[in-house]
Each structure stands twice: as structure tokens, then as C-alpha cells.
C-alpha atoms as a PDB file:
ATOM      1  CA  UNK A   1      87.767  95.385 108.746  1.00  0.00           C
ATOM      2  CA  UNK A   2      91.155  94.795 107.212  1.00  0.00           C
ATOM      3  CA  UNK A   3      93.959  97.195 108.101  1.00  0.00           C
ATOM      4  CA  UNK A   4      95.358  99.129 105.131  1.00  0.00           C
ATOM      5  CA  UNK A   5      98.829  99.585 106.630  1.00  0.00           C
ATOM      6  CA  UNK A   6      99.197  95.942 107.621  1.00  0.00           C
ATOM      7  CA  UNK A   7      98.156  94.902 104.102  1.00  0.00           C
ATOM      8  CA  UNK A   8     100.624  97.377 102.546  1.00  0.00           C
ATOM      9  CA  UNK A   9     103.458  96.165 104.784  1.00  0.00           C
ATOM     10  CA  UNK A  10     102.861  92.622 103.571  1.00  0.00           C
ATOM     11  CA  UNK A  11     102.998  93.803  99.947  1.00  0.00           C
ATOM     12  CA  UNK A  12     106.208  95.793 100.526  1.00  0.00           C
ATOM     13  CA  UNK A  13     108.191  93.235 102.550  1.00  0.00           C
ATOM     14  CA  UNK A  14     107.726  95.202 105.803  1.00  0.00           C
ATOM     15  CA  UNK A  15     109.206  98.425 104.330  1.00  0.00           C
ATOM     16  CA  UNK A  16     107.311 100.968 106.435  1.00  0.00           C
ATOM     17  CA  UNK A  17     108.095 104.001 104.267  1.00  0.00           C
ATOM     18  CA  UNK A  18     107.014 102.250 101.057  1.00  0.00           C
ATOM     19  CA  UNK A  19     103.880 100.936 102.743  1.00  0.00           C
ATOM     20  CA  UNK A  20     102.934 104.374 104.082  1.00  0.00           C
ATOM     21  CA  UNK A  21     103.356 105.913 100.644  1.00  0.00           C
ATOM     22  CA  UNK A  22     100.827 103.480  99.211  1.00  0.00           C
ATOM     23  CA  UNK A  23      98.055 104.236 101.698  1.00  0.00           C
ATOM     24  CA  UNK A  24      98.196 108.026 101.809  1.00  0.00           C
ATOM     25  CA  UNK A  25      96.452 110.131  99.209  1.00  0.00           C
ATOM     26  CA  UNK A  26      97.070 113.796  99.952  1.00  0.00           C
ATOM     27  CA  UNK A  27     100.012 115.733  98.541  1.00  0.00           C
ATOM     28  CA  UNK A  28     101.800 116.011 101.867  1.00  0.00           C
ATOM     29  CA  UNK A  29     101.138 113.205 104.280  1.00  0.00           C
ATOM     30  CA  UNK A  30     104.641 112.150 105.291  1.00  0.00           C
ATOM     31  CA  UNK A  31     107.189 114.693 106.526  1.00  0.00           C
ATOM     32  CA  UNK A  32     110.761 113.406 106.445  1.00  0.00           C
ATOM     33  CA  UNK A  33     113.781 115.122 108.003  1.00  0.00           C
ATOM     34  CA  UNK A  34     117.224 113.577 107.441  1.00  0.00           C
ATOM     35  CA  UNK A  35     115.578 110.264 106.446  1.00  0.00           C
ATOM     36  CA  UNK A  36     113.527 110.158 109.669  1.00  0.00           C
ATOM     37  CA  UNK A  37     109.745 110.369 109.556  1.00  0.00           C
ATOM     38  CA  UNK A  38     108.800 113.281 111.838  1.00  0.00           C
ATOM     39  CA  UNK A  39     105.214 113.900 110.744  1.00  0.00           C
ATOM     40  CA  UNK A  40     102.563 111.578 109.423  1.00  0.00           C
ATOM     41  CA  UNK A  41      98.977 112.307 108.469  1.00  0.00           C
ATOM     42  CA  UNK A  42      96.922 109.127 108.286  1.00  0.00           C
ATOM     43  CA  UNK A  43      93.564 110.899 108.510  1.00  0.00           C
ATOM     44  CA  UNK A  44      90.803 109.189 106.535  1.00  0.00           C
ATOM     45  CA  UNK A  45      92.774 105.955 106.086  1.00  0.00           C
ATOM     46  CA  UNK A  46      91.574 102.518 107.077  1.00  0.00           C
ATOM     47  CA  UNK A  47      94.227 101.836 109.686  1.00  0.00           C
ATOM     48  CA  UNK A  48      93.450 100.247 113.044  1.00  0.00           C
ATOM     49  CA  UNK A  49      95.165  99.737 116.386  1.00  0.00           C
ATOM     50  CA  UNK A  50      97.069  96.824 114.839  1.00  0.00           C
ATOM     51  CA  UNK A  51      98.935  99.223 112.523  1.00  0.00           C
ATOM     52  CA  UNK A  52      99.941 101.485 115.406  1.00  0.00           C
ATOM     53  CA  UNK A  53     102.207  98.721 116.679  1.00  0.00           C
ATOM     54  CA  UNK A  54     104.256  99.182 113.490  1.00  0.00           C
ATOM     55  CA  UNK A  55     104.788 102.888 114.248  1.00  0.00           C
ATOM     56  CA  UNK A  56     106.313 102.630 117.736  1.00  0.00           C
ATOM     57  CA  UNK A  57     109.849 102.452 116.327  1.00  0.00           C
ATOM     58  CA  UNK A  58     109.473 105.915 114.739  1.00  0.00           C
ATOM     59  CA  UNK A  59     111.143 107.552 117.734  1.00  0.00           C
ATOM     60  CA  UNK A  60     111.568 110.912 115.939  1.00  0.00           C
ATOM     61  CA  UNK A  61     107.865 111.148 115.064  1.00  0.00           C
ATOM     62  CA  UNK A  62     106.524 114.452 116.418  1.00  0.00           C
ATOM     63  CA  UNK A  63     102.940 114.454 115.107  1.00  0.00           C
ATOM     64  CA  UNK A  64     100.540 111.850 113.838  1.00  0.00           C
ATOM     65  CA  UNK A  65      97.070 112.487 112.414  1.00  0.00           C
ATOM     66  CA  UNK A  66      94.552 109.692 112.974  1.00  0.00           C
ATOM     67  CA  UNK A  67      91.236 111.486 112.412  1.00  0.00           C
ATOM     68  CA  UNK A  68      88.443 109.335 110.931  1.00  0.00           C
ATOM     69  CA  UNK A  69      90.373 106.059 111.126  1.00  0.00           C
ATOM     70  CA  UNK A  70      89.664 102.719 112.754  1.00  0.00           C
ATOM     71  CA  UNK A  71      91.985 103.555 115.661  1.00  0.00           C
ATOM     72  CA  UNK A  72      90.349 103.293 119.081  1.00  0.00           C
ATOM     73  CA  UNK A  73      90.938 105.753 121.944  1.00  0.00           C
ATOM     74  CA  UNK A  74      92.752 102.950 123.772  1.00  0.00           C
ATOM     75  CA  UNK A  75      95.041 102.369 120.795  1.00  0.00           C
ATOM     76  CA  UNK A  76      95.835 106.073 120.563  1.00  0.00           C
ATOM     77  CA  UNK A  77      96.601 106.222 124.301  1.00  0.00           C
ATOM     78  CA  UNK A  78      98.928 103.222 124.027  1.00  0.00           C
ATOM     79  CA  UNK A  79     100.792 104.927 121.182  1.00  0.00           C
ATOM     80  CA  UNK A  80     101.061 108.180 123.159  1.00  0.00           C
ATOM     81  CA  UNK A  81     102.746 106.231 125.962  1.00  0.00           C
ATOM     82  CA  UNK A  82     105.145 104.559 123.514  1.00  0.00           C
ATOM     83  CA  UNK A  83     105.937 107.881 121.762  1.00  0.00           C
ATOM     84  CA  UNK A  84     105.661 110.548 124.488  1.00  0.00           C
ATOM     85  CA  UNK A  85     107.158 113.284 122.263  1.00  0.00           C
ATOM     86  CA  UNK A  86     104.571 112.730 119.528  1.00  0.00           C
ATOM     87  CA  UNK A  87     101.293 114.624 119.322  1.00  0.00           C
ATOM     88  CA  UNK A  88      98.717 111.984 118.384  1.00  0.00           C
ATOM     89  CA  UNK A  89      95.652 113.671 116.926  1.00  0.00           C
ATOM     90  CA  UNK A  90      92.421 111.672 116.794  1.00  0.00           C
END
């Protein structure tokens, strides 16, 4: 299974915001406050644990939806440890 976020990052020269905008489909999936991403709903996307490594620098992220994705419980736990102030919903 290819990872949608990794593919989008390659297409957008590693611009995380641009890549995220290409893989989300609902009206409100990215919540931005003062140019920081604080909420991100990636439910029903084809992301995997590999993509989570690209999110660890979003230190102001407070919630992340990962329902019905290719993310494993181990990947979600690793992200929770990297972003302890973020509610990771799987």
C-alpha cells in the first residue's frame, strides 16, 4: 500500500501544508491558528505509520484524527509519545 501523504510530500517538495491539503477531502480537515496546524483530521485517508514521522514536528498539534487509515496501533502510540499534548484518535 502506498502512503498518500508521502506521495503528496514528494509532489509538493516536502511542503507539509500543501501536501495535507491535497489528501484531505472534507470541508474542514486542517485547523490552523497563527500559521500553526493545531488540528488535523486524516480519517479515511490512505496514510500509514510512515507518514506519521512527517507530523512529529507539528509541536502545536492538539488533535489528530486517524480513523480508518493504514496507521497501526504501534504507530499511533509512537506518535502519542512524540506529541504528548496531542489527542491521537484512531
